[in-house]
Amino acid sequence: MKLCLKKTLITSIALASSLSVFAENNWMVRTRALAVMPDVSGSPSVIGGDVRINTQSVPELDFTYFFKKNFAMELILATTTHQVGVKNSALDNVDLGSVSLLPPTLLAQYHHEWGNFKPYVGAGLNYTMFYNAQSGAVNSVKYDNCFGYALQVGLDYKITEKVYLNLDIKKLYLETTTKVRAGATRVKADVNIDPLLVGVGIGYRF
């Protein structure tokens, strides 16, 4: 009886230890230097012209949870501030000021392993919140928050057991409705922003 209990206890400890090690490797956190390059289409229907949004570089933080060896979920957090304007419109070039975007994005990922190279692909949903809009040369500018979707391809390179070098490329597909008031003129337009996000950084697996 004592021998049986001893074996059971040893087996339980070994199983708990193995589960603990597995659980400790379920998470990865990354920090990246991120270039956000909007690909804008859509024009204000009343005054014409092309909407322009500038490229920005910002830090990004993401959290990844591996629920299987090759399958994971990633949550991406970053915020950017962009200058916005309309070029070659009926009102000439119009400064629409600036706006900040907070686009949390959740992606389902598939990871593969080739030695120290660990490429992955992902797809998911995005919700972009526009805040702190500055109106520039017009009276006011408003942007509607919007849902979108995202595609992703990336690569982790294993430096140590826990530290990884990361390269990540994402494409977000976003459409917002913009409302501009300039004196007596009111302009409402649907604008596709569709930014390309390119990031390089470091990941830590734990």
N, C-alpha and C. Protein backbone atom coordinates (compact mmCIF):
# COMPACT_ATOMS: atom_id res chain seq x y z
N MET A 1 0.84 -1.20 0.00
CA MET A 1 0.00 0.00 0.00
C MET A 1 0.87 1.25 0.00
N LYS A 2 1.89 1.28 0.87
CA LYS A 2 2.78 2.42 0.94
C LYS A 2 3.54 2.60 -0.37
N LEU A 3 3.98 1.45 -0.98
CA LEU A 3 4.71 1.51 -2.24
C LEU A 3 3.82 2.07 -3.34
N CYS A 4 2.55 1.65 -3.35
CA CYS A 4 1.60 2.13 -4.34
C CYS A 4 1.38 3.62 -4.20
N LEU A 5 1.21 4.09 -2.96
CA LEU A 5 1.01 5.52 -2.71
C LEU A 5 2.25 6.31 -3.13
N LYS A 6 3.42 5.73 -2.84
CA LYS A 6 4.67 6.41 -3.20
C LYS A 6 4.79 6.56 -4.71
N LYS A 7 4.46 5.48 -5.45
CA LYS A 7 4.52 5.53 -6.91
C LYS A 7 3.51 6.53 -7.47
N THR A 8 2.31 6.53 -6.87
CA THR A 8 1.27 7.47 -7.30
C THR A 8 1.71 8.91 -7.08
N LEU A 9 2.33 9.15 -5.91
CA LEU A 9 2.80 10.50 -5.59
C LEU A 9 3.89 10.94 -6.56
N ILE A 10 4.84 10.04 -6.85
CA ILE A 10 5.93 10.37 -7.78
C ILE A 10 5.37 10.65 -9.17
N THR A 11 4.43 9.82 -9.63
CA THR A 11 3.81 10.02 -10.94
C THR A 11 3.07 11.34 -11.00
N SER A 12 2.35 11.69 -9.92
CA SER A 12 1.60 12.94 -9.88
C SER A 12 2.52 14.14 -9.93
N ILE A 13 3.63 14.06 -9.20
CA ILE A 13 4.61 15.16 -9.19
C ILE A 13 5.22 15.33 -10.58
N ALA A 14 5.57 14.21 -11.22
CA ALA A 14 6.18 14.27 -12.55
C ALA A 14 5.20 14.85 -13.56
N LEU A 15 3.92 14.44 -13.48
CA LEU A 15 2.91 14.95 -14.40
C LEU A 15 2.69 16.43 -14.18
N ALA A 16 2.59 16.85 -12.93
CA ALA A 16 2.39 18.27 -12.60
C ALA A 16 3.56 19.11 -13.09
N SER A 17 4.77 18.55 -12.94
CA SER A 17 5.96 19.28 -13.40
C SER A 17 5.94 19.47 -14.91
N SER A 18 5.59 18.39 -15.63
CA SER A 18 5.56 18.48 -17.09
C SER A 18 4.49 19.45 -17.55
N LEU A 19 3.32 19.46 -16.92
CA LEU A 19 2.26 20.40 -17.26
C LEU A 19 2.68 21.82 -16.96
N SER A 20 3.40 22.00 -15.85
CA SER A 20 3.86 23.33 -15.46
C SER A 20 4.83 23.88 -16.50
N VAL A 21 5.76 23.02 -16.97
CA VAL A 21 6.72 23.46 -17.98
C VAL A 21 5.99 23.85 -19.26
N PHE A 22 4.98 23.00 -19.65
CA PHE A 22 4.22 23.30 -20.86
C PHE A 22 3.48 24.62 -20.72
N ALA A 23 2.86 24.84 -19.56
CA ALA A 23 2.09 26.06 -19.33
C ALA A 23 2.98 27.29 -19.37
N GLU A 24 4.19 27.15 -18.87
CA GLU A 24 5.10 28.29 -18.83
C GLU A 24 5.52 28.72 -20.24
N ASN A 25 5.39 27.82 -21.22
CA ASN A 25 5.78 28.15 -22.59
C ASN A 25 4.60 28.52 -23.47
N ASN A 26 3.45 28.76 -22.88
CA ASN A 26 2.26 29.08 -23.67
C ASN A 26 2.20 30.54 -24.10
N TRP A 27 2.95 31.42 -23.46
CA TRP A 27 2.83 32.85 -23.71
C TRP A 27 4.07 33.42 -24.40
N MET A 28 3.83 34.39 -25.27
CA MET A 28 4.92 35.19 -25.82
C MET A 28 4.49 36.64 -25.84
N VAL A 29 5.39 37.51 -25.41
CA VAL A 29 5.14 38.94 -25.50
C VAL A 29 6.22 39.54 -26.40
N ARG A 30 5.81 40.42 -27.30
CA ARG A 30 6.76 41.05 -28.22
C ARG A 30 6.62 42.56 -28.15
N THR A 31 7.73 43.24 -28.40
CA THR A 31 7.70 44.68 -28.61
C THR A 31 8.38 44.95 -29.95
N ARG A 32 7.77 45.84 -30.74
CA ARG A 32 8.27 46.08 -32.09
C ARG A 32 8.39 47.57 -32.36
N ALA A 33 9.29 47.93 -33.27
CA ALA A 33 9.28 49.23 -33.92
C ALA A 33 8.42 49.06 -35.16
N LEU A 34 7.38 49.88 -35.28
CA LEU A 34 6.35 49.65 -36.28
C LEU A 34 6.22 50.83 -37.22
N ALA A 35 6.23 50.57 -38.53
CA ALA A 35 5.93 51.59 -39.54
C ALA A 35 4.50 51.37 -40.02
N VAL A 36 3.68 52.42 -39.93
CA VAL A 36 2.27 52.36 -40.33
C VAL A 36 2.12 53.19 -41.59
N MET A 37 1.80 52.50 -42.71
CA MET A 37 1.75 53.15 -44.02
C MET A 37 0.35 53.04 -44.61
N PRO A 38 -0.49 54.08 -44.43
CA PRO A 38 -1.86 54.03 -44.95
C PRO A 38 -1.90 53.96 -46.47
N ASP A 39 -2.82 53.16 -46.99
CA ASP A 39 -3.09 53.08 -48.43
C ASP A 39 -4.51 53.59 -48.61
N VAL A 40 -4.65 54.87 -48.90
CA VAL A 40 -5.95 55.55 -48.82
C VAL A 40 -6.64 55.57 -50.18
N SER A 41 -7.94 55.27 -50.17
CA SER A 41 -8.77 55.44 -51.35
C SER A 41 -10.12 56.00 -50.91
N GLY A 42 -10.80 56.68 -51.84
CA GLY A 42 -12.06 57.34 -51.51
C GLY A 42 -11.85 58.84 -51.48
N SER A 43 -12.80 59.57 -52.02
CA SER A 43 -12.68 61.02 -52.12
C SER A 43 -13.94 61.70 -51.61
N PRO A 44 -13.80 62.89 -51.02
CA PRO A 44 -15.00 63.64 -50.65
C PRO A 44 -15.85 63.91 -51.89
N SER A 45 -17.11 63.48 -51.87
CA SER A 45 -17.94 63.51 -53.06
C SER A 45 -18.31 64.92 -53.51
N VAL A 46 -18.28 65.90 -52.62
CA VAL A 46 -18.70 67.25 -52.98
C VAL A 46 -17.57 68.05 -53.59
N ILE A 47 -16.38 67.99 -52.96
CA ILE A 47 -15.28 68.84 -53.42
C ILE A 47 -14.22 68.06 -54.21
N GLY A 48 -14.35 66.73 -54.30
CA GLY A 48 -13.40 65.93 -55.06
C GLY A 48 -12.03 65.91 -54.40
N GLY A 49 -11.03 65.50 -55.18
CA GLY A 49 -9.68 65.45 -54.66
C GLY A 49 -9.34 64.10 -54.05
N ASP A 50 -8.11 63.98 -53.57
CA ASP A 50 -7.61 62.73 -52.99
C ASP A 50 -7.27 62.95 -51.52
N VAL A 51 -7.75 62.03 -50.68
CA VAL A 51 -7.42 62.09 -49.26
C VAL A 51 -6.00 61.56 -49.06
N ARG A 52 -5.22 62.27 -48.27
CA ARG A 52 -3.85 61.86 -47.97
C ARG A 52 -3.68 61.72 -46.46
N ILE A 53 -3.06 60.60 -46.05
CA ILE A 53 -2.74 60.36 -44.63
C ILE A 53 -1.28 59.94 -44.58
N ASN A 54 -0.49 60.59 -43.73
CA ASN A 54 0.95 60.35 -43.75
C ASN A 54 1.35 59.07 -43.03
N THR A 55 2.54 58.58 -43.34
CA THR A 55 3.13 57.41 -42.70
C THR A 55 3.69 57.79 -41.33
N GLN A 56 3.54 56.87 -40.36
CA GLN A 56 4.07 57.11 -39.02
C GLN A 56 4.83 55.89 -38.52
N SER A 57 5.80 56.14 -37.62
CA SER A 57 6.53 55.07 -36.95
C SER A 57 6.26 55.14 -35.45
N VAL A 58 5.86 54.01 -34.86
CA VAL A 58 5.47 53.98 -33.45
C VAL A 58 5.93 52.66 -32.82
N PRO A 59 5.97 52.59 -31.49
CA PRO A 59 6.20 51.29 -30.83
C PRO A 59 4.91 50.48 -30.81
N GLU A 60 5.06 49.17 -30.81
CA GLU A 60 3.91 48.27 -30.75
C GLU A 60 4.16 47.20 -29.70
N LEU A 61 3.10 46.77 -29.02
CA LEU A 61 3.17 45.70 -28.04
C LEU A 61 2.15 44.64 -28.41
N ASP A 62 2.55 43.36 -28.35
CA ASP A 62 1.56 42.30 -28.61
C ASP A 62 1.74 41.16 -27.64
N PHE A 63 0.64 40.45 -27.41
CA PHE A 63 0.60 39.30 -26.52
C PHE A 63 0.07 38.11 -27.31
N THR A 64 0.80 36.99 -27.27
CA THR A 64 0.42 35.79 -28.00
C THR A 64 0.25 34.63 -27.03
N TYR A 65 -0.86 33.89 -27.19
CA TYR A 65 -1.10 32.69 -26.38
C TYR A 65 -1.18 31.47 -27.29
N PHE A 66 -0.32 30.48 -27.01
CA PHE A 66 -0.29 29.24 -27.78
C PHE A 66 -1.19 28.21 -27.09
N PHE A 67 -2.34 27.93 -27.68
CA PHE A 67 -3.21 26.91 -27.09
C PHE A 67 -2.92 25.53 -27.67
N LYS A 68 -2.15 25.46 -28.76
CA LYS A 68 -1.56 24.24 -29.30
C LYS A 68 -0.15 24.59 -29.75
N LYS A 69 0.64 23.55 -30.10
CA LYS A 69 2.01 23.80 -30.52
C LYS A 69 2.07 24.75 -31.71
N ASN A 70 1.15 24.56 -32.68
CA ASN A 70 1.21 25.34 -33.92
C ASN A 70 0.12 26.41 -34.03
N PHE A 71 -0.76 26.48 -33.06
CA PHE A 71 -1.89 27.41 -33.15
C PHE A 71 -1.88 28.39 -31.98
N ALA A 72 -2.12 29.65 -32.31
CA ALA A 72 -2.05 30.70 -31.29
C ALA A 72 -3.04 31.81 -31.59
N MET A 73 -3.28 32.64 -30.58
CA MET A 73 -4.04 33.87 -30.74
C MET A 73 -3.14 35.04 -30.33
N GLU A 74 -3.19 36.13 -31.10
CA GLU A 74 -2.35 37.29 -30.82
C GLU A 74 -3.20 38.55 -30.73
N LEU A 75 -2.95 39.33 -29.69
CA LEU A 75 -3.60 40.63 -29.51
C LEU A 75 -2.55 41.71 -29.67
N ILE A 76 -2.82 42.65 -30.57
CA ILE A 76 -1.85 43.69 -30.93
C ILE A 76 -2.35 45.04 -30.44
N LEU A 77 -1.47 45.79 -29.77
CA LEU A 77 -1.83 47.10 -29.23
C LEU A 77 -0.82 48.14 -29.70
N ALA A 78 -1.33 49.21 -30.30
CA ALA A 78 -0.49 50.34 -30.72
C ALA A 78 -1.41 51.51 -30.99
N THR A 79 -0.87 52.71 -30.94
CA THR A 79 -1.64 53.89 -31.30
C THR A 79 -0.77 54.81 -32.15
N THR A 80 -1.39 55.46 -33.13
CA THR A 80 -0.66 56.34 -34.04
C THR A 80 -1.41 57.66 -34.19
N THR A 81 -0.67 58.71 -34.55
CA THR A 81 -1.26 60.01 -34.87
C THR A 81 -0.83 60.39 -36.28
N HIS A 82 -1.80 60.72 -37.13
CA HIS A 82 -1.53 60.99 -38.53
C HIS A 82 -2.00 62.39 -38.93
N GLN A 83 -1.28 62.98 -39.86
CA GLN A 83 -1.71 64.21 -40.52
C GLN A 83 -2.61 63.84 -41.70
N VAL A 84 -3.73 64.57 -41.84
CA VAL A 84 -4.72 64.26 -42.86
C VAL A 84 -4.96 65.49 -43.73
N GLY A 85 -5.13 65.28 -45.02
CA GLY A 85 -5.43 66.39 -45.92
C GLY A 85 -6.09 65.91 -47.18
N VAL A 86 -6.60 66.85 -47.98
CA VAL A 86 -7.17 66.56 -49.29
C VAL A 86 -6.35 67.32 -50.33
N LYS A 87 -5.89 66.62 -51.36
CA LYS A 87 -5.09 67.23 -52.42
C LYS A 87 -5.92 67.38 -53.69
N ASN A 88 -5.70 68.49 -54.40
CA ASN A 88 -6.30 68.71 -55.72
C ASN A 88 -7.82 68.67 -55.70
N SER A 89 -8.43 69.24 -54.68
CA SER A 89 -9.89 69.30 -54.60
C SER A 89 -10.40 70.59 -55.23
N ALA A 90 -11.73 70.76 -55.25
CA ALA A 90 -12.33 72.00 -55.75
C ALA A 90 -11.96 73.18 -54.88
N LEU A 91 -11.54 72.91 -53.64
CA LEU A 91 -11.10 73.96 -52.72
C LEU A 91 -9.58 74.01 -52.64
N ASP A 92 -8.91 73.43 -53.66
CA ASP A 92 -7.46 73.34 -53.70
C ASP A 92 -6.99 72.31 -52.67
N ASN A 93 -5.81 72.49 -52.07
CA ASN A 93 -5.31 71.58 -51.05
C ASN A 93 -5.84 72.00 -49.69
N VAL A 94 -6.48 71.06 -48.98
CA VAL A 94 -7.13 71.37 -47.72
C VAL A 94 -6.47 70.60 -46.58
N ASP A 95 -6.02 71.32 -45.56
CA ASP A 95 -5.44 70.71 -44.36
C ASP A 95 -6.57 70.29 -43.44
N LEU A 96 -6.70 68.99 -43.19
CA LEU A 96 -7.73 68.47 -42.29
C LEU A 96 -7.19 68.17 -40.89
N GLY A 97 -6.01 68.69 -40.60
CA GLY A 97 -5.47 68.54 -39.26
C GLY A 97 -4.88 67.16 -39.00
N SER A 98 -5.11 66.65 -37.82
CA SER A 98 -4.55 65.35 -37.43
C SER A 98 -5.59 64.55 -36.66
N VAL A 99 -5.34 63.24 -36.57
CA VAL A 99 -6.21 62.36 -35.80
C VAL A 99 -5.38 61.20 -35.28
N SER A 100 -5.74 60.73 -34.08
CA SER A 100 -5.07 59.57 -33.49
C SER A 100 -5.95 58.34 -33.65
N LEU A 101 -5.31 57.20 -33.89
CA LEU A 101 -6.01 55.93 -34.08
C LEU A 101 -5.53 54.92 -33.06
N LEU A 102 -6.47 54.22 -32.47
CA LEU A 102 -6.18 53.09 -31.58
C LEU A 102 -6.86 51.86 -32.20
N PRO A 103 -6.08 50.98 -32.85
CA PRO A 103 -6.68 49.85 -33.58
C PRO A 103 -6.35 48.48 -32.98
N PRO A 104 -6.88 48.12 -31.79
CA PRO A 104 -6.61 46.78 -31.27
C PRO A 104 -7.04 45.71 -32.28
N THR A 105 -6.18 44.71 -32.46
CA THR A 105 -6.40 43.69 -33.48
C THR A 105 -6.17 42.31 -32.87
N LEU A 106 -7.11 41.40 -33.08
CA LEU A 106 -7.01 40.04 -32.58
C LEU A 106 -6.88 39.09 -33.77
N LEU A 107 -5.81 38.27 -33.76
CA LEU A 107 -5.50 37.39 -34.89
C LEU A 107 -5.39 35.94 -34.45
N ALA A 108 -5.94 35.04 -35.25
CA ALA A 108 -5.69 33.60 -35.10
C ALA A 108 -4.50 33.25 -35.98
N GLN A 109 -3.55 32.49 -35.44
CA GLN A 109 -2.29 32.24 -36.15
C GLN A 109 -1.99 30.75 -36.28
N TYR A 110 -1.29 30.43 -37.38
CA TYR A 110 -0.68 29.11 -37.53
C TYR A 110 0.83 29.29 -37.58
N HIS A 111 1.56 28.58 -36.71
CA HIS A 111 3.01 28.66 -36.61
C HIS A 111 3.64 27.36 -37.12
N HIS A 112 4.77 27.49 -37.80
CA HIS A 112 5.53 26.33 -38.27
C HIS A 112 6.97 26.45 -37.76
N GLU A 113 7.69 25.34 -37.73
CA GLU A 113 9.07 25.37 -37.24
C GLU A 113 10.01 24.75 -38.26
N TRP A 114 11.06 25.49 -38.62
CA TRP A 114 12.18 25.00 -39.40
C TRP A 114 13.45 25.31 -38.62
N GLY A 115 13.79 24.46 -37.69
CA GLY A 115 14.94 24.73 -36.82
C GLY A 115 14.67 25.96 -35.98
N ASN A 116 15.58 26.93 -36.06
CA ASN A 116 15.41 28.17 -35.30
C ASN A 116 14.46 29.16 -35.98
N PHE A 117 14.09 28.88 -37.23
CA PHE A 117 13.16 29.75 -37.95
C PHE A 117 11.73 29.28 -37.69
N LYS A 118 10.87 30.21 -37.28
CA LYS A 118 9.50 29.86 -36.93
C LYS A 118 8.54 30.84 -37.62
N PRO A 119 8.23 30.58 -38.90
CA PRO A 119 7.31 31.46 -39.63
C PRO A 119 5.87 31.23 -39.19
N TYR A 120 5.03 32.22 -39.44
CA TYR A 120 3.62 32.10 -39.09
C TYR A 120 2.78 32.96 -40.02
N VAL A 121 1.50 32.61 -40.10
CA VAL A 121 0.51 33.41 -40.83
C VAL A 121 -0.67 33.62 -39.89
N GLY A 122 -1.41 34.68 -40.12
CA GLY A 122 -2.54 34.97 -39.26
C GLY A 122 -3.64 35.73 -39.98
N ALA A 123 -4.84 35.67 -39.41
CA ALA A 123 -5.98 36.43 -39.92
C ALA A 123 -6.88 36.74 -38.74
N GLY A 124 -7.52 37.91 -38.79
CA GLY A 124 -8.36 38.26 -37.66
C GLY A 124 -9.17 39.52 -37.86
N LEU A 125 -9.63 40.06 -36.73
CA LEU A 125 -10.53 41.21 -36.73
C LEU A 125 -9.87 42.40 -36.06
N ASN A 126 -10.31 43.57 -36.48
CA ASN A 126 -9.78 44.83 -35.97
C ASN A 126 -10.93 45.77 -35.64
N TYR A 127 -10.76 46.56 -34.59
CA TYR A 127 -11.70 47.63 -34.29
C TYR A 127 -10.90 48.91 -34.09
N THR A 128 -11.08 49.89 -34.97
CA THR A 128 -10.29 51.11 -34.91
C THR A 128 -11.10 52.25 -34.28
N MET A 129 -10.50 52.85 -33.26
CA MET A 129 -11.11 54.00 -32.58
C MET A 129 -10.33 55.26 -32.95
N PHE A 130 -11.05 56.27 -33.41
CA PHE A 130 -10.45 57.56 -33.77
C PHE A 130 -10.66 58.53 -32.61
N TYR A 131 -9.60 59.22 -32.20
CA TYR A 131 -9.74 60.15 -31.09
C TYR A 131 -8.79 61.34 -31.27
N ASN A 132 -9.05 62.38 -30.49
CA ASN A 132 -8.21 63.57 -30.48
C ASN A 132 -8.05 64.17 -31.88
N ALA A 133 -9.17 64.29 -32.61
CA ALA A 133 -9.13 64.87 -33.96
C ALA A 133 -8.93 66.38 -33.88
N GLN A 134 -7.94 66.88 -34.59
CA GLN A 134 -7.68 68.32 -34.71
C GLN A 134 -8.08 68.75 -36.12
N SER A 135 -8.84 69.86 -36.23
CA SER A 135 -9.53 70.17 -37.49
C SER A 135 -8.69 70.90 -38.52
N GLY A 136 -7.52 71.39 -38.19
CA GLY A 136 -6.67 72.05 -39.18
C GLY A 136 -7.31 73.30 -39.73
N ALA A 137 -7.42 73.40 -41.08
CA ALA A 137 -7.92 74.61 -41.73
C ALA A 137 -9.44 74.64 -41.86
N VAL A 138 -10.14 73.60 -41.42
CA VAL A 138 -11.60 73.58 -41.50
C VAL A 138 -12.19 73.74 -40.10
N ASN A 139 -13.53 73.85 -40.04
CA ASN A 139 -14.17 74.07 -38.74
C ASN A 139 -14.18 72.81 -37.87
N SER A 140 -14.46 71.68 -38.48
CA SER A 140 -14.48 70.44 -37.70
C SER A 140 -14.32 69.24 -38.61
N VAL A 141 -13.74 68.17 -38.03
CA VAL A 141 -13.61 66.88 -38.73
C VAL A 141 -13.98 65.78 -37.74
N LYS A 142 -14.84 64.86 -38.17
CA LYS A 142 -15.23 63.74 -37.33
C LYS A 142 -15.04 62.43 -38.10
N TYR A 143 -14.60 61.40 -37.37
CA TYR A 143 -14.37 60.09 -37.97
C TYR A 143 -15.18 59.06 -37.19
N ASP A 144 -15.85 58.16 -37.90
CA ASP A 144 -16.60 57.09 -37.25
C ASP A 144 -15.67 55.93 -36.92
N ASN A 145 -15.78 55.41 -35.69
CA ASN A 145 -15.07 54.17 -35.35
C ASN A 145 -15.55 53.05 -36.26
N CYS A 146 -14.68 52.08 -36.51
CA CYS A 146 -15.05 51.06 -37.50
C CYS A 146 -14.43 49.70 -37.19
N PHE A 147 -15.14 48.65 -37.63
CA PHE A 147 -14.61 47.30 -37.63
C PHE A 147 -13.91 47.04 -38.97
N GLY A 148 -12.90 46.20 -38.93
CA GLY A 148 -12.23 45.79 -40.15
C GLY A 148 -11.65 44.40 -39.96
N TYR A 149 -10.86 43.95 -40.92
CA TYR A 149 -10.20 42.66 -40.77
C TYR A 149 -8.73 42.79 -41.11
N ALA A 150 -7.96 41.80 -40.74
CA ALA A 150 -6.51 41.89 -40.86
C ALA A 150 -5.92 40.58 -41.36
N LEU A 151 -4.85 40.67 -42.15
CA LEU A 151 -4.06 39.53 -42.59
C LEU A 151 -2.62 39.74 -42.13
N GLN A 152 -1.91 38.66 -41.88
CA GLN A 152 -0.59 38.76 -41.25
C GLN A 152 0.34 37.66 -41.75
N VAL A 153 1.62 38.01 -41.90
CA VAL A 153 2.67 37.02 -42.13
C VAL A 153 3.88 37.48 -41.32
N GLY A 154 4.58 36.53 -40.69
CA GLY A 154 5.70 36.93 -39.85
C GLY A 154 6.70 35.80 -39.64
N LEU A 155 7.76 36.12 -38.93
CA LEU A 155 8.82 35.16 -38.67
C LEU A 155 9.45 35.45 -37.31
N ASP A 156 9.53 34.43 -36.47
CA ASP A 156 10.30 34.48 -35.23
C ASP A 156 11.59 33.69 -35.44
N TYR A 157 12.71 34.27 -35.05
CA TYR A 157 13.99 33.56 -35.11
C TYR A 157 14.49 33.36 -33.68
N LYS A 158 14.72 32.11 -33.32
CA LYS A 158 15.10 31.76 -31.95
C LYS A 158 16.54 32.13 -31.68
N ILE A 159 16.74 33.03 -30.71
CA ILE A 159 18.09 33.44 -30.29
C ILE A 159 18.54 32.62 -29.10
N THR A 160 17.66 32.51 -28.09
CA THR A 160 17.87 31.63 -26.94
C THR A 160 16.58 30.86 -26.71
N GLU A 161 16.52 30.08 -25.65
CA GLU A 161 15.31 29.30 -25.37
C GLU A 161 14.09 30.19 -25.19
N LYS A 162 14.29 31.42 -24.73
CA LYS A 162 13.15 32.30 -24.45
C LYS A 162 13.11 33.57 -25.29
N VAL A 163 14.20 33.92 -25.94
CA VAL A 163 14.27 35.20 -26.66
C VAL A 163 14.26 34.97 -28.17
N TYR A 164 13.44 35.76 -28.88
CA TYR A 164 13.28 35.61 -30.31
C TYR A 164 13.39 36.97 -31.00
N LEU A 165 13.99 36.97 -32.18
CA LEU A 165 13.96 38.13 -33.07
C LEU A 165 12.73 37.99 -33.95
N ASN A 166 12.00 39.09 -34.16
CA ASN A 166 10.73 39.01 -34.87
C ASN A 166 10.65 39.99 -36.03
N LEU A 167 10.12 39.52 -37.15
CA LEU A 167 9.75 40.35 -38.29
C LEU A 167 8.28 40.09 -38.58
N ASP A 168 7.48 41.15 -38.72
CA ASP A 168 6.04 40.98 -38.83
C ASP A 168 5.47 41.98 -39.83
N ILE A 169 4.58 41.48 -40.71
CA ILE A 169 3.91 42.33 -41.69
C ILE A 169 2.41 42.08 -41.59
N LYS A 170 1.64 43.15 -41.45
CA LYS A 170 0.19 43.04 -41.37
C LYS A 170 -0.46 44.00 -42.36
N LYS A 171 -1.60 43.59 -42.87
CA LYS A 171 -2.42 44.45 -43.71
C LYS A 171 -3.78 44.57 -43.05
N LEU A 172 -4.17 45.81 -42.69
CA LEU A 172 -5.48 46.06 -42.11
C LEU A 172 -6.39 46.65 -43.17
N TYR A 173 -7.64 46.22 -43.16
CA TYR A 173 -8.64 46.73 -44.10
C TYR A 173 -9.70 47.49 -43.31
N LEU A 174 -9.66 48.83 -43.41
CA LEU A 174 -10.50 49.70 -42.60
C LEU A 174 -11.27 50.67 -43.48
N GLU A 175 -12.52 50.90 -43.17
CA GLU A 175 -13.31 51.92 -43.86
C GLU A 175 -14.02 52.78 -42.81
N THR A 176 -13.80 54.07 -42.86
CA THR A 176 -14.43 54.99 -41.93
C THR A 176 -15.24 56.03 -42.70
N THR A 177 -16.27 56.53 -42.06
CA THR A 177 -17.03 57.65 -42.62
C THR A 177 -16.51 58.93 -41.99
N THR A 178 -16.09 59.89 -42.83
CA THR A 178 -15.51 61.15 -42.38
C THR A 178 -16.50 62.28 -42.66
N LYS A 179 -16.70 63.13 -41.66
CA LYS A 179 -17.60 64.28 -41.81
C LYS A 179 -16.79 65.56 -41.60
N VAL A 180 -16.78 66.42 -42.62
CA VAL A 180 -15.99 67.65 -42.59
C VAL A 180 -16.93 68.84 -42.71
N ARG A 181 -16.71 69.85 -41.86
CA ARG A 181 -17.46 71.11 -41.95
C ARG A 181 -16.47 72.24 -42.17
N ALA A 182 -16.64 72.93 -43.30
CA ALA A 182 -15.78 74.08 -43.64
C ALA A 182 -16.70 75.24 -44.01
N GLY A 183 -16.98 76.11 -43.05
CA GLY A 183 -17.92 77.20 -43.27
C GLY A 183 -19.30 76.64 -43.55
N ALA A 184 -19.89 77.02 -44.68
CA ALA A 184 -21.23 76.53 -45.05
C ALA A 184 -21.16 75.17 -45.75
N THR A 185 -19.98 74.70 -46.06
CA THR A 185 -19.81 73.44 -46.79
C THR A 185 -19.77 72.25 -45.84
N ARG A 186 -20.58 71.24 -46.14
CA ARG A 186 -20.58 70.00 -45.38
C ARG A 186 -20.18 68.87 -46.31
N VAL A 187 -19.20 68.09 -45.92
CA VAL A 187 -18.72 66.99 -46.75
C VAL A 187 -18.76 65.70 -45.94
N LYS A 188 -19.34 64.66 -46.52
CA LYS A 188 -19.37 63.33 -45.89
C LYS A 188 -18.82 62.33 -46.88
N ALA A 189 -17.85 61.55 -46.46
CA ALA A 189 -17.22 60.62 -47.40
C ALA A 189 -16.82 59.33 -46.69
N ASP A 190 -16.94 58.22 -47.42
CA ASP A 190 -16.42 56.94 -46.94
C ASP A 190 -14.99 56.80 -47.45
N VAL A 191 -14.07 56.58 -46.52
CA VAL A 191 -12.65 56.54 -46.87
C VAL A 191 -12.06 55.20 -46.43
N ASN A 192 -11.42 54.49 -47.36
CA ASN A 192 -10.68 53.27 -47.05
C ASN A 192 -9.25 53.65 -46.68
N ILE A 193 -8.82 53.26 -45.48
CA ILE A 193 -7.46 53.61 -45.02
C ILE A 193 -6.48 52.47 -45.34
N ASP A 194 -6.84 51.24 -45.03
CA ASP A 194 -6.10 50.03 -45.41
C ASP A 194 -4.59 50.12 -45.20
N PRO A 195 -4.12 50.36 -43.97
CA PRO A 195 -2.68 50.53 -43.76
C PRO A 195 -1.90 49.22 -43.85
N LEU A 196 -0.66 49.34 -44.31
CA LEU A 196 0.31 48.25 -44.23
C LEU A 196 1.18 48.51 -43.01
N LEU A 197 1.33 47.50 -42.15
CA LEU A 197 2.11 47.63 -40.91
C LEU A 197 3.32 46.71 -40.99
N VAL A 198 4.50 47.29 -40.91
CA VAL A 198 5.74 46.50 -40.96
C VAL A 198 6.48 46.72 -39.65
N GLY A 199 6.75 45.63 -38.93
CA GLY A 199 7.39 45.76 -37.62
C GLY A 199 8.60 44.84 -37.46
N VAL A 200 9.57 45.31 -36.70
CA VAL A 200 10.75 44.52 -36.32
C VAL A 200 10.91 44.66 -34.82
N GLY A 201 11.15 43.52 -34.13
CA GLY A 201 11.26 43.61 -32.69
C GLY A 201 11.81 42.37 -32.04
N ILE A 202 11.58 42.29 -30.74
CA ILE A 202 12.08 41.20 -29.89
C ILE A 202 10.89 40.55 -29.18
N GLY A 203 10.89 39.20 -29.11
CA GLY A 203 9.86 38.47 -28.38
C GLY A 203 10.46 37.69 -27.23
N TYR A 204 9.65 37.50 -26.20
CA TYR A 204 10.06 36.71 -25.04
C TYR A 204 9.01 35.65 -24.76
N ARG A 205 9.40 34.37 -24.78
CA ARG A 205 8.50 33.24 -24.56
C ARG A 205 8.57 32.81 -23.09
N PHE A 206 7.40 32.64 -22.48
CA PHE A 206 7.38 32.23 -21.07
C PHE A 206 6.16 31.41 -20.76
